[in-house]
Amino acid sequence: PSIMSCAKPHILIIEPFYGGSHKQLIGALIEGLNHGDSEIFSLPAKKWHWRARTSALHFAQLIPRDHAFRVLFASSVLSLAELIGLRPDLAACRKIVYFHENQLIYPVREVKQRDCQYGFNEILSCLAADMVLFNSQFNCNSFLDNVQPFLNMQPDFKIKHIREQIEKKCQVLYFPVNFERFPIRKECVKGETAEDLDEKCIHLIWPHRWEHDKNPKLLVDTLCQLHERQVDFKVTICGESYQEIPEEFEHIQEKLGSKLVNFGHLEREEYLKTLLTGDIVISTADHEFFGVAMLEAAFCGCYPIAPNKLVYPEIYPKENLYNTSNALTKKLYNFCRMPRVFRKQRDQFFENFNFDRFSAKELVPKYLDIFNKHIADEQS
């Protein structure tokens, strides 16, 4: 659906952390809008903590005061309550906050390291918003369930009845993955028969950010166990590395030798080629609110294996989930030992899995309907 046109943009899009899935979401929405419908204000995806602290002041100075905005759409990195306090003229907009993740349960290495201000800002943003969208039911539930425990951390008095105020504004709208930009795997490589492919060693892929919340230790421990058991496999460890290499990865090349076929971030073309040669995509995450990389890899033909927690039970069937580190190792060991059995199970997965419910083609119109409804309400 297209948005009704007017002389000035009437959709204000704010993204303080314009990169990764945040950038992908905005790109997908802009593609569905008419030219001139919206105006974007953004900051590069760096220094997340400072973006969360100061972007409201930055945008308050930047956004023109002579505007026709009727809808304000922002990610939860923005402190919406601060922005509206600084720019009361924007209060008349229908304000929509989108949660890619939430800070109430975002894992930290030590509880005492948690800066409570980020979570508190998210709660205030929800109270200032007219609608709160989450990219998964897990994200929504984990946020709402932790509003009161989070507020209870305050030592001298308790703020109550906040969850109830927020819950009635909440809605789940999956992240729209643009599958159309990904190639579809051909079942057999030219010149090779299905039997040849059955006998090939299995290619494992781990495509996540190189940070502690993705649990690189579990990955390394699992791969080393497979290596020690002398099963045939090869592995790609890619994904973005924002800082230094995790200590768990420091000696992995020596440990795995020639089985480690790719190690480090891959440019898009190489990344797509790798996904098309992959057999299994693995998550070892301690934290995942949606998991774009897993779905992208699965769309390219990789069989997903993920923990039976977080968002994953919402997306994948139970056959693709593991409960313990031993269960992960056992599952991979059996698949690597018996590629033919694995490929039969992979075929079964792809016969039954529905990618449409996560596709931009299906989901973007739902986002635009929300914008349309708010503009229509404003005009009526």
Foldseek 3Di string as FASTA:
>chain_A
DEADDDDAAAEEEEEAACDDLNVVLVVLLVVRYDPRNYDYDYHYRPPLVVSLVCVLVVVLVVDDPPGNHAAYEYELSHLQLSNCVSPVSCLNHQYEYEYQAALLPDDDPDPVPRDLVSNVSSLNSLLSHQAYEYQFPLRVVVSLVRPQVSQVVDPPDGDDDSSVSRVVRYDYFHRAFALVVADAADCDDPPDDPVNVLPDFAEEEEAEEQDPQQPVLLVLVLLLVLVVVPFDAAYEYEYHYDDDHPPSCPCSCVSNPVSDPHYYHDPDVVVSVSLLRHAAYETPGNEHQHCNPQLSSVSSQHQYAYAPDHRVVVAAPPVRHDHDSVRVSVVSNVCRNRVNVSVVVSVVRVVPHDCLSNHSVNRSVVVVVVVNVSVVVVVD
